[in-house]
Every structure is written in structure tokens, then in C-alpha cells.
């Protein structure tokens, strides 16, 4: 985990500090489709002479100038990623606590089920079960949302590492 974090930080710093430039070539295939490639060898020989070259340049972010608000600090992507990871950890920890509370409620309901013998007791028990089911459903919705946020965050980290190294992370 430390290696992956260190590698992520290094890759982000490298991506932000060095302008990237890529060359793309536009050509027409045998079926008349317009295609773009970054590999000149994929362009048919007869089209290389009149080939149009496109250059994409990704520059580093602009630093604040004297005209910009001096009180605003430039965003630090690494700090932002770390802050987001901490937020997700807090949500996950709260979710775990909520799950434990649900399991305690469930145990309590199982005990109350055995004690419910009259119609009134059974009606009260059924109402508690309905409330428990609503809590469980709300918990599942929160759990799904948090899992989605975590998956998106992990995909962002993986794509950042993959983009920087030229291959997906393992």
C-alpha cells in the first residue's frame, strides 16, 4: 500500500510538472472511414506523403498571477486525493458502526419475537420489524453509494497510475 501510494504521488507530480505532447495522424482507410492514429506505421504508404499531422499538447496548470486572488492557494492534487481518501475512510468506518448497530437491533428483535405472545405484543413486534426493515434498506442504499464512491476513487487512482506508466496498475 505504501509503495502504491508513493508511486501514485510520484506519477501525479511528474504529470503535473512536464508538458506532454502527442502526435496524431489522420488518414482514410480502404472503406472511406477517417481514422486517427499515433503510430505512423499504421498509415498506408500511399497516404503518408499528404498526411496531416495533429499535435496535442497538455501543459502544466497555470500558476496564480498577481491579478489572481493572492489568498487562494493553488490546489494540491495529492493533498486533494489524500483528503478524499480520508473522507471515504470516515464514511466506511461510520458505515461499519451503523452495521454493528443494525446487528444489535436484529438480535434484540429475535429476543422480542420469543416474548411476543399476545396480539398486542405481536403487533408491536411487527411494527418494530417494519422499522428495522426501513433502517436496513436505508443502510443498504448508503452502503451502495459509498461502495460506488470508493470504486470511482480507486479507478481514478488506477487510471492515474496507468496513464503515467503506460500500462494499468496491478
N, C-alpha and C. Protein backbone atom coordinates (compact mmCIF):
# COMPACT_ATOMS: atom_id res chain seq x y z
N UNK A 1 0.83 -1.18 0.00
CA UNK A 1 0.00 0.00 0.00
C UNK A 1 0.88 1.26 0.00
N UNK A 2 1.95 1.25 0.78
CA UNK A 2 2.84 2.40 0.83
C UNK A 2 3.51 2.59 -0.52
N UNK A 3 3.92 1.49 -1.15
CA UNK A 3 4.56 1.56 -2.46
C UNK A 3 3.60 2.16 -3.49
N UNK A 4 2.34 1.68 -3.46
CA UNK A 4 1.35 2.17 -4.42
C UNK A 4 1.08 3.65 -4.19
N UNK A 5 0.97 4.06 -2.94
CA UNK A 5 0.75 5.47 -2.63
C UNK A 5 1.93 6.32 -3.07
N UNK A 6 3.14 5.85 -2.80
CA UNK A 6 4.33 6.60 -3.20
C UNK A 6 4.42 6.70 -4.72
N UNK A 7 4.12 5.61 -5.38
CA UNK A 7 4.15 5.60 -6.84
C UNK A 7 3.09 6.55 -7.39
N UNK A 8 1.92 6.55 -6.80
CA UNK A 8 0.85 7.44 -7.23
C UNK A 8 1.26 8.90 -7.09
N UNK A 9 1.83 9.23 -5.96
CA UNK A 9 2.27 10.61 -5.71
C UNK A 9 3.34 11.00 -6.73
N UNK A 10 4.29 10.13 -6.95
CA UNK A 10 5.36 10.41 -7.89
C UNK A 10 4.81 10.62 -9.30
N UNK A 11 3.89 9.76 -9.71
CA UNK A 11 3.34 9.86 -11.05
C UNK A 11 2.53 11.15 -11.22
N UNK A 12 1.77 11.52 -10.21
CA UNK A 12 0.99 12.75 -10.29
C UNK A 12 1.91 13.95 -10.40
N UNK A 13 2.96 13.96 -9.60
CA UNK A 13 3.92 15.07 -9.66
C UNK A 13 4.57 15.16 -11.04
N UNK A 14 4.93 14.02 -11.59
CA UNK A 14 5.55 14.02 -12.91
C UNK A 14 4.58 14.51 -13.98
N UNK A 15 3.33 14.09 -13.88
CA UNK A 15 2.35 14.50 -14.87
C UNK A 15 2.08 16.00 -14.79
N UNK A 16 2.12 16.56 -13.61
CA UNK A 16 1.82 17.97 -13.45
C UNK A 16 3.00 18.87 -13.79
N UNK A 17 4.19 18.34 -13.75
CA UNK A 17 5.36 19.19 -13.94
C UNK A 17 5.91 19.19 -15.36
N UNK A 18 5.55 18.22 -16.17
CA UNK A 18 6.12 18.11 -17.51
C UNK A 18 5.00 18.22 -18.54
N UNK A 19 5.13 19.17 -19.48
CA UNK A 19 4.12 19.23 -20.54
C UNK A 19 4.21 17.96 -21.39
N UNK A 20 3.07 17.42 -21.74
CA UNK A 20 3.03 16.22 -22.56
C UNK A 20 2.64 16.60 -23.98
N UNK A 21 3.25 15.96 -24.93
CA UNK A 21 2.94 16.25 -26.31
C UNK A 21 2.75 14.92 -27.03
N UNK A 22 1.72 14.86 -27.85
CA UNK A 22 1.45 13.65 -28.60
C UNK A 22 1.15 14.03 -30.04
N UNK A 23 1.62 13.22 -30.98
CA UNK A 23 1.37 13.45 -32.39
C UNK A 23 0.34 12.43 -32.87
N UNK A 24 -0.65 12.93 -33.61
CA UNK A 24 -1.67 12.08 -34.18
C UNK A 24 -1.70 12.30 -35.67
N UNK A 25 -2.01 11.25 -36.40
CA UNK A 25 -2.06 11.32 -37.85
C UNK A 25 -3.48 10.97 -38.30
N UNK A 26 -3.96 11.71 -39.26
CA UNK A 26 -5.30 11.50 -39.81
C UNK A 26 -5.15 10.90 -41.20
N UNK A 27 -5.90 9.82 -41.45
CA UNK A 27 -5.87 9.21 -42.78
C UNK A 27 -7.21 8.55 -43.06
N UNK A 28 -7.41 8.12 -44.29
CA UNK A 28 -8.64 7.49 -44.72
C UNK A 28 -8.34 6.03 -45.05
N UNK A 29 -9.13 5.11 -44.49
CA UNK A 29 -8.89 3.69 -44.76
C UNK A 29 -9.54 3.29 -46.08
N UNK A 30 -9.44 1.99 -46.43
CA UNK A 30 -9.94 1.48 -47.70
C UNK A 30 -11.44 1.64 -47.86
N UNK A 31 -12.17 1.68 -46.75
CA UNK A 31 -13.62 1.79 -46.80
C UNK A 31 -14.10 3.23 -46.72
N UNK A 32 -13.18 4.19 -46.70
CA UNK A 32 -13.54 5.59 -46.68
C UNK A 32 -13.71 6.18 -45.29
N UNK A 33 -13.40 5.40 -44.27
CA UNK A 33 -13.51 5.90 -42.90
C UNK A 33 -12.30 6.76 -42.54
N UNK A 34 -12.57 7.86 -41.86
CA UNK A 34 -11.48 8.72 -41.39
C UNK A 34 -10.98 8.15 -40.07
N UNK A 35 -9.68 7.91 -40.00
CA UNK A 35 -9.09 7.33 -38.80
C UNK A 35 -7.95 8.20 -38.29
N UNK A 36 -7.72 8.09 -36.99
CA UNK A 36 -6.61 8.80 -36.35
C UNK A 36 -5.73 7.76 -35.66
N UNK A 37 -4.44 7.98 -35.70
CA UNK A 37 -3.51 7.07 -35.03
C UNK A 37 -2.31 7.86 -34.54
N UNK A 38 -1.66 7.30 -33.53
CA UNK A 38 -0.41 7.92 -33.07
C UNK A 38 0.79 7.12 -33.56
N UNK A 39 0.53 6.11 -34.38
CA UNK A 39 1.57 5.24 -34.90
C UNK A 39 1.66 5.42 -36.41
N UNK A 40 2.70 6.07 -36.87
CA UNK A 40 2.86 6.36 -38.30
C UNK A 40 2.88 5.07 -39.13
N UNK A 41 3.36 3.98 -38.58
CA UNK A 41 3.44 2.73 -39.34
C UNK A 41 2.06 2.15 -39.68
N UNK A 42 1.01 2.62 -39.01
CA UNK A 42 -0.34 2.14 -39.30
C UNK A 42 -0.97 2.87 -40.48
N UNK A 43 -0.37 3.97 -40.88
CA UNK A 43 -0.89 4.74 -42.01
C UNK A 43 -0.41 4.07 -43.30
N UNK A 44 -1.32 3.83 -44.26
CA UNK A 44 -0.90 3.22 -45.53
C UNK A 44 0.18 4.06 -46.22
N UNK A 45 1.12 3.38 -46.87
CA UNK A 45 2.25 4.05 -47.51
C UNK A 45 1.82 5.11 -48.51
N UNK A 46 0.77 4.82 -49.28
CA UNK A 46 0.36 5.76 -50.32
C UNK A 46 -0.25 7.04 -49.75
N UNK A 47 -0.61 7.07 -48.47
CA UNK A 47 -1.20 8.25 -47.87
C UNK A 47 -0.22 9.03 -46.98
N UNK A 48 0.96 8.52 -46.80
CA UNK A 48 1.90 9.18 -45.89
C UNK A 48 2.39 10.53 -46.43
N UNK A 49 2.49 10.66 -47.76
CA UNK A 49 3.01 11.90 -48.32
C UNK A 49 2.09 13.08 -48.00
N UNK A 50 0.80 12.93 -48.15
CA UNK A 50 -0.14 14.03 -47.89
C UNK A 50 -0.74 13.97 -46.50
N UNK A 51 -0.08 13.26 -45.64
CA UNK A 51 -0.60 13.03 -44.29
C UNK A 51 -0.66 14.32 -43.49
N UNK A 52 -1.76 14.49 -42.78
CA UNK A 52 -1.90 15.66 -41.92
C UNK A 52 -1.57 15.24 -40.49
N UNK A 53 -0.70 15.98 -39.86
CA UNK A 53 -0.25 15.67 -38.50
C UNK A 53 -0.92 16.62 -37.52
N UNK A 54 -1.43 16.06 -36.43
CA UNK A 54 -2.04 16.85 -35.37
C UNK A 54 -1.18 16.69 -34.13
N UNK A 55 -1.00 17.77 -33.43
CA UNK A 55 -0.22 17.73 -32.20
C UNK A 55 -1.10 18.16 -31.04
N UNK A 56 -1.15 17.33 -30.04
CA UNK A 56 -1.89 17.65 -28.82
C UNK A 56 -0.87 17.98 -27.75
N UNK A 57 -1.06 19.10 -27.11
CA UNK A 57 -0.14 19.49 -26.05
C UNK A 57 -0.93 19.65 -24.78
N UNK A 58 -0.48 18.99 -23.74
CA UNK A 58 -1.06 19.17 -22.42
C UNK A 58 -0.04 19.93 -21.60
N UNK A 59 -0.40 21.11 -21.21
CA UNK A 59 0.56 21.93 -20.47
C UNK A 59 0.30 21.83 -18.98
N UNK A 60 1.25 22.33 -18.23
CA UNK A 60 1.11 22.33 -16.79
C UNK A 60 0.07 23.37 -16.39
N UNK A 61 -0.57 23.21 -15.24
CA UNK A 61 -1.57 24.17 -14.82
C UNK A 61 -0.95 25.55 -14.64
N UNK A 62 -1.74 26.57 -14.90
CA UNK A 62 -1.28 27.94 -14.74
C UNK A 62 -1.10 28.27 -13.26
N UNK A 63 0.02 28.89 -12.94
CA UNK A 63 0.24 29.34 -11.58
C UNK A 63 -0.49 30.66 -11.39
N UNK A 64 -0.90 30.96 -10.17
CA UNK A 64 -1.60 32.21 -9.95
C UNK A 64 -0.72 33.40 -10.31
N UNK A 65 -1.32 34.39 -10.92
CA UNK A 65 -0.59 35.61 -11.26
C UNK A 65 -0.91 36.68 -10.25
N UNK A 66 -0.32 37.86 -10.42
CA UNK A 66 -0.56 38.96 -9.48
C UNK A 66 -2.02 39.39 -9.52
N UNK A 67 -2.69 39.20 -10.69
CA UNK A 67 -4.08 39.61 -10.80
C UNK A 67 -5.02 38.68 -10.06
N UNK A 68 -4.62 37.43 -9.86
CA UNK A 68 -5.50 36.48 -9.18
C UNK A 68 -5.49 36.75 -7.70
N UNK A 69 -6.45 36.18 -7.04
CA UNK A 69 -6.59 36.36 -5.60
C UNK A 69 -5.39 35.75 -4.89
N UNK A 70 -4.65 36.55 -4.19
CA UNK A 70 -3.44 36.10 -3.52
C UNK A 70 -3.74 35.15 -2.36
N UNK A 71 -4.95 35.21 -1.80
CA UNK A 71 -5.26 34.37 -0.65
C UNK A 71 -5.55 32.93 -1.06
N UNK A 72 -5.88 32.71 -2.32
CA UNK A 72 -6.15 31.35 -2.77
C UNK A 72 -4.85 30.62 -3.04
N UNK A 73 -4.69 29.48 -2.40
CA UNK A 73 -3.51 28.66 -2.66
C UNK A 73 -3.83 27.75 -3.83
N UNK A 74 -2.84 27.45 -4.67
CA UNK A 74 -3.11 26.53 -5.77
C UNK A 74 -3.48 25.16 -5.22
N UNK A 75 -4.39 24.50 -5.90
CA UNK A 75 -4.85 23.19 -5.44
C UNK A 75 -3.71 22.18 -5.55
N UNK A 76 -3.56 21.41 -4.51
CA UNK A 76 -2.54 20.36 -4.49
C UNK A 76 -3.25 19.04 -4.73
N UNK A 77 -3.09 18.45 -5.93
CA UNK A 77 -3.83 17.23 -6.24
C UNK A 77 -3.54 16.08 -5.28
N UNK A 78 -2.34 16.01 -4.79
CA UNK A 78 -2.01 14.91 -3.87
C UNK A 78 -2.74 15.10 -2.55
N UNK A 79 -2.75 16.33 -2.05
CA UNK A 79 -3.49 16.60 -0.82
C UNK A 79 -4.97 16.36 -1.02
N UNK A 80 -5.48 16.74 -2.21
CA UNK A 80 -6.89 16.52 -2.50
C UNK A 80 -7.21 15.02 -2.52
N UNK A 81 -6.34 14.23 -3.13
CA UNK A 81 -6.56 12.78 -3.15
C UNK A 81 -6.51 12.20 -1.75
N UNK A 82 -5.55 12.65 -0.96
CA UNK A 82 -5.43 12.16 0.41
C UNK A 82 -6.64 12.57 1.24
N UNK A 83 -7.09 13.80 1.05
CA UNK A 83 -8.27 14.28 1.78
C UNK A 83 -9.48 13.44 1.39
N UNK A 84 -9.64 13.17 0.10
CA UNK A 84 -10.77 12.35 -0.36
C UNK A 84 -10.68 10.94 0.20
N UNK A 85 -9.47 10.38 0.26
CA UNK A 85 -9.31 9.03 0.82
C UNK A 85 -9.72 9.03 2.29
N UNK A 86 -9.33 10.06 3.03
CA UNK A 86 -9.69 10.14 4.44
C UNK A 86 -11.20 10.27 4.62
N UNK A 87 -11.83 11.07 3.76
CA UNK A 87 -13.29 11.21 3.82
C UNK A 87 -13.96 9.86 3.58
N UNK A 88 -13.46 9.12 2.59
CA UNK A 88 -14.04 7.81 2.30
C UNK A 88 -13.80 6.83 3.45
N UNK A 89 -12.63 6.90 4.07
CA UNK A 89 -12.36 6.06 5.24
C UNK A 89 -13.33 6.37 6.38
N UNK A 90 -13.59 7.66 6.60
CA UNK A 90 -14.53 8.04 7.66
C UNK A 90 -15.93 7.51 7.35
N UNK A 91 -16.35 7.65 6.10
CA UNK A 91 -17.67 7.13 5.72
C UNK A 91 -17.74 5.62 5.91
N UNK A 92 -16.67 4.94 5.53
CA UNK A 92 -16.63 3.48 5.68
C UNK A 92 -16.67 3.08 7.15
N UNK A 93 -15.92 3.80 8.00
CA UNK A 93 -15.93 3.50 9.44
C UNK A 93 -17.31 3.73 10.04
N UNK A 94 -17.97 4.81 9.64
CA UNK A 94 -19.32 5.08 10.13
C UNK A 94 -20.29 4.01 9.64
N UNK A 95 -20.11 3.57 8.41
CA UNK A 95 -20.94 2.51 7.86
C UNK A 95 -20.77 1.22 8.67
N UNK A 96 -19.53 0.90 9.05
CA UNK A 96 -19.28 -0.29 9.86
C UNK A 96 -19.96 -0.18 11.22
N UNK A 97 -19.94 1.01 11.83
CA UNK A 97 -20.61 1.22 13.12
C UNK A 97 -22.12 1.06 12.96
N UNK A 98 -22.65 1.62 11.89
CA UNK A 98 -24.08 1.50 11.63
C UNK A 98 -24.48 0.04 11.43
N UNK A 99 -23.62 -0.72 10.77
CA UNK A 99 -23.90 -2.14 10.56
C UNK A 99 -23.93 -2.88 11.89
N UNK A 100 -22.98 -2.59 12.75
CA UNK A 100 -22.96 -3.23 14.07
C UNK A 100 -24.23 -2.88 14.85
N UNK A 101 -24.68 -1.64 14.77
CA UNK A 101 -25.92 -1.23 15.45
C UNK A 101 -27.12 -1.99 14.88
N UNK A 102 -27.14 -2.17 13.56
CA UNK A 102 -28.23 -2.94 12.95
C UNK A 102 -28.23 -4.38 13.44
N UNK A 103 -27.06 -4.96 13.56
CA UNK A 103 -26.97 -6.35 14.03
C UNK A 103 -27.43 -6.47 15.49
N UNK A 104 -27.14 -5.45 16.30
CA UNK A 104 -27.63 -5.43 17.68
C UNK A 104 -29.15 -5.33 17.70
N UNK A 105 -29.70 -4.46 16.85
CA UNK A 105 -31.16 -4.34 16.75
C UNK A 105 -31.79 -5.66 16.33
N UNK A 106 -31.13 -6.35 15.42
CA UNK A 106 -31.64 -7.64 14.95
C UNK A 106 -31.66 -8.67 16.07
N UNK A 107 -30.60 -8.71 16.85
CA UNK A 107 -30.56 -9.63 17.99
C UNK A 107 -31.68 -9.32 18.97
N UNK A 108 -31.89 -8.02 19.21
CA UNK A 108 -32.95 -7.60 20.13
C UNK A 108 -34.32 -8.04 19.60
N UNK A 109 -34.53 -7.89 18.30
CA UNK A 109 -35.80 -8.31 17.70
C UNK A 109 -36.01 -9.82 17.83
N UNK A 110 -34.94 -10.58 17.70
CA UNK A 110 -35.07 -12.04 17.85
C UNK A 110 -35.50 -12.41 19.27
N UNK A 111 -34.97 -11.69 20.25
CA UNK A 111 -35.38 -11.93 21.64
C UNK A 111 -36.84 -11.53 21.85
N UNK A 112 -37.24 -10.39 21.29
CA UNK A 112 -38.61 -9.92 21.45
C UNK A 112 -39.60 -10.83 20.74
N UNK A 113 -39.17 -11.49 19.68
CA UNK A 113 -40.06 -12.39 18.94
C UNK A 113 -40.52 -13.53 19.84
N UNK A 114 -39.59 -14.04 20.62
CA UNK A 114 -39.92 -15.16 21.51
C UNK A 114 -40.89 -14.73 22.61
N UNK A 115 -40.80 -13.46 23.03
CA UNK A 115 -41.64 -12.96 24.13
C UNK A 115 -43.01 -12.48 23.65
N UNK A 116 -43.18 -12.24 22.34
CA UNK A 116 -44.45 -11.73 21.82
C UNK A 116 -45.44 -12.87 21.69
N UNK A 117 -46.47 -12.87 22.58
CA UNK A 117 -47.46 -13.94 22.55
C UNK A 117 -48.88 -13.40 22.35
N UNK A 118 -49.16 -12.24 22.88
CA UNK A 118 -50.50 -11.67 22.70
C UNK A 118 -50.56 -10.91 21.39
N UNK A 119 -51.82 -10.61 20.96
CA UNK A 119 -51.99 -9.86 19.72
C UNK A 119 -51.32 -8.50 19.78
N UNK A 120 -51.44 -7.84 20.91
CA UNK A 120 -50.84 -6.51 21.07
C UNK A 120 -49.32 -6.60 20.99
N UNK A 121 -48.76 -7.58 21.66
CA UNK A 121 -47.30 -7.75 21.63
C UNK A 121 -46.80 -8.08 20.22
N UNK A 122 -47.56 -8.92 19.54
CA UNK A 122 -47.19 -9.29 18.17
C UNK A 122 -47.29 -8.07 17.25
N UNK A 123 -48.33 -7.24 17.43
CA UNK A 123 -48.49 -6.03 16.62
C UNK A 123 -47.32 -5.07 16.86
N UNK A 124 -46.93 -4.92 18.14
CA UNK A 124 -45.79 -4.05 18.46
C UNK A 124 -44.52 -4.63 17.85
N UNK A 125 -44.35 -5.93 17.95
CA UNK A 125 -43.18 -6.59 17.39
C UNK A 125 -43.13 -6.38 15.87
N UNK A 126 -44.27 -6.57 15.19
CA UNK A 126 -44.32 -6.40 13.73
C UNK A 126 -43.96 -4.97 13.33
N UNK A 127 -44.43 -3.99 14.12
CA UNK A 127 -44.09 -2.59 13.84
C UNK A 127 -42.58 -2.38 13.97
N UNK A 128 -41.97 -2.98 14.98
CA UNK A 128 -40.51 -2.87 15.17
C UNK A 128 -39.78 -3.53 14.00
N UNK A 129 -40.31 -4.65 13.52
CA UNK A 129 -39.69 -5.33 12.37
C UNK A 129 -39.78 -4.43 11.14
N UNK A 130 -40.92 -3.77 10.93
CA UNK A 130 -41.06 -2.86 9.79
C UNK A 130 -40.05 -1.71 9.89
N UNK A 131 -39.89 -1.16 11.09
CA UNK A 131 -38.91 -0.09 11.28
C UNK A 131 -37.49 -0.61 11.02
N UNK A 132 -37.21 -1.81 11.49
CA UNK A 132 -35.89 -2.41 11.25
C UNK A 132 -35.64 -2.58 9.75
N UNK A 133 -36.66 -3.03 9.03
CA UNK A 133 -36.53 -3.21 7.58
C UNK A 133 -36.26 -1.89 6.88
N UNK A 134 -36.91 -0.81 7.33
CA UNK A 134 -36.66 0.51 6.74
C UNK A 134 -35.22 0.94 7.01
N UNK A 135 -34.76 0.72 8.24
CA UNK A 135 -33.37 1.06 8.58
C UNK A 135 -32.40 0.25 7.73
N UNK A 136 -32.70 -1.04 7.55
CA UNK A 136 -31.83 -1.90 6.75
C UNK A 136 -31.78 -1.45 5.31
N UNK A 137 -32.93 -1.06 4.77
CA UNK A 137 -32.97 -0.59 3.39
C UNK A 137 -32.17 0.70 3.24
N UNK A 138 -32.33 1.62 4.18
CA UNK A 138 -31.58 2.88 4.13
C UNK A 138 -30.08 2.59 4.25
N UNK A 139 -29.72 1.64 5.10
CA UNK A 139 -28.32 1.26 5.26
C UNK A 139 -27.77 0.72 3.94
N UNK A 140 -28.51 -0.15 3.29
CA UNK A 140 -28.07 -0.74 2.02
C UNK A 140 -27.89 0.32 0.95
N UNK A 141 -28.77 1.32 0.93
CA UNK A 141 -28.62 2.40 -0.05
C UNK A 141 -27.35 3.21 0.23
N UNK A 142 -27.09 3.50 1.50
CA UNK A 142 -25.87 4.23 1.86
C UNK A 142 -24.64 3.39 1.54
N UNK A 143 -24.71 2.09 1.85
CA UNK A 143 -23.57 1.20 1.58
C UNK A 143 -23.27 1.15 0.08
N UNK A 144 -24.31 1.04 -0.74
CA UNK A 144 -24.11 1.02 -2.19
C UNK A 144 -23.49 2.32 -2.68
N UNK A 145 -23.98 3.45 -2.17
CA UNK A 145 -23.46 4.75 -2.59
C UNK A 145 -21.99 4.88 -2.20
N UNK A 146 -21.64 4.46 -1.00
CA UNK A 146 -20.25 4.57 -0.55
C UNK A 146 -19.36 3.62 -1.34
N UNK A 147 -19.83 2.42 -1.61
CA UNK A 147 -19.04 1.49 -2.42
C UNK A 147 -18.81 2.05 -3.82
N UNK A 148 -19.80 2.74 -4.37
CA UNK A 148 -19.64 3.37 -5.68
C UNK A 148 -18.59 4.47 -5.61
N UNK A 149 -18.64 5.29 -4.56
CA UNK A 149 -17.65 6.36 -4.39
C UNK A 149 -16.25 5.77 -4.27
N UNK A 150 -16.12 4.68 -3.51
CA UNK A 150 -14.81 4.04 -3.33
C UNK A 150 -14.32 3.47 -4.66
N UNK A 151 -15.21 2.83 -5.40
CA UNK A 151 -14.82 2.27 -6.70
C UNK A 151 -14.38 3.37 -7.67
N UNK A 152 -15.08 4.51 -7.67
CA UNK A 152 -14.70 5.62 -8.52
C UNK A 152 -13.34 6.18 -8.11
N UNK A 153 -13.10 6.30 -6.82
CA UNK A 153 -11.83 6.80 -6.32
C UNK A 153 -10.70 5.85 -6.71
N UNK A 154 -10.91 4.54 -6.52
CA UNK A 154 -9.89 3.56 -6.90
C UNK A 154 -9.63 3.58 -8.40
N UNK A 155 -10.68 3.75 -9.20
CA UNK A 155 -10.50 3.82 -10.65
C UNK A 155 -9.69 5.07 -11.02
N UNK A 156 -9.93 6.17 -10.32
CA UNK A 156 -9.17 7.38 -10.56
C UNK A 156 -7.69 7.15 -10.25
N UNK A 157 -7.41 6.52 -9.14
CA UNK A 157 -6.03 6.23 -8.75
C UNK A 157 -5.40 5.29 -9.78
N UNK A 158 -6.12 4.22 -10.13
CA UNK A 158 -5.58 3.25 -11.09
C UNK A 158 -5.35 3.89 -12.46
N UNK A 159 -6.27 4.73 -12.90
CA UNK A 159 -6.08 5.36 -14.21
C UNK A 159 -4.93 6.36 -14.17
N UNK A 160 -4.75 7.01 -13.04
CA UNK A 160 -3.63 7.95 -12.91
C UNK A 160 -2.31 7.19 -13.00
N UNK A 161 -2.23 6.08 -12.32
CA UNK A 161 -1.01 5.28 -12.36
C UNK A 161 -0.85 4.66 -13.75
N UNK A 162 -1.94 4.13 -14.31
CA UNK A 162 -1.88 3.53 -15.64
C UNK A 162 -1.51 4.54 -16.70
N UNK A 163 -2.09 5.75 -16.63
CA UNK A 163 -1.77 6.80 -17.61
C UNK A 163 -0.32 7.20 -17.52
N UNK A 164 0.22 7.21 -16.33
CA UNK A 164 1.58 7.68 -16.14
C UNK A 164 2.62 6.65 -16.56
N UNK A 165 2.32 5.39 -16.34
CA UNK A 165 3.30 4.35 -16.63
C UNK A 165 3.11 3.72 -18.00
N UNK A 166 1.94 3.99 -18.61
CA UNK A 166 1.69 3.41 -19.92
C UNK A 166 1.01 2.07 -19.85
N UNK A 167 0.80 1.55 -18.66
CA UNK A 167 0.08 0.28 -18.53
C UNK A 167 -0.72 0.33 -17.23
N UNK A 168 -1.81 -0.46 -17.16
CA UNK A 168 -2.63 -0.44 -15.95
C UNK A 168 -1.86 -0.97 -14.75
N UNK A 169 -2.25 -0.48 -13.58
CA UNK A 169 -1.59 -0.95 -12.36
C UNK A 169 -2.07 -2.33 -12.01
N UNK A 170 -1.30 -3.02 -11.20
CA UNK A 170 -1.67 -4.38 -10.80
C UNK A 170 -2.13 -4.39 -9.38
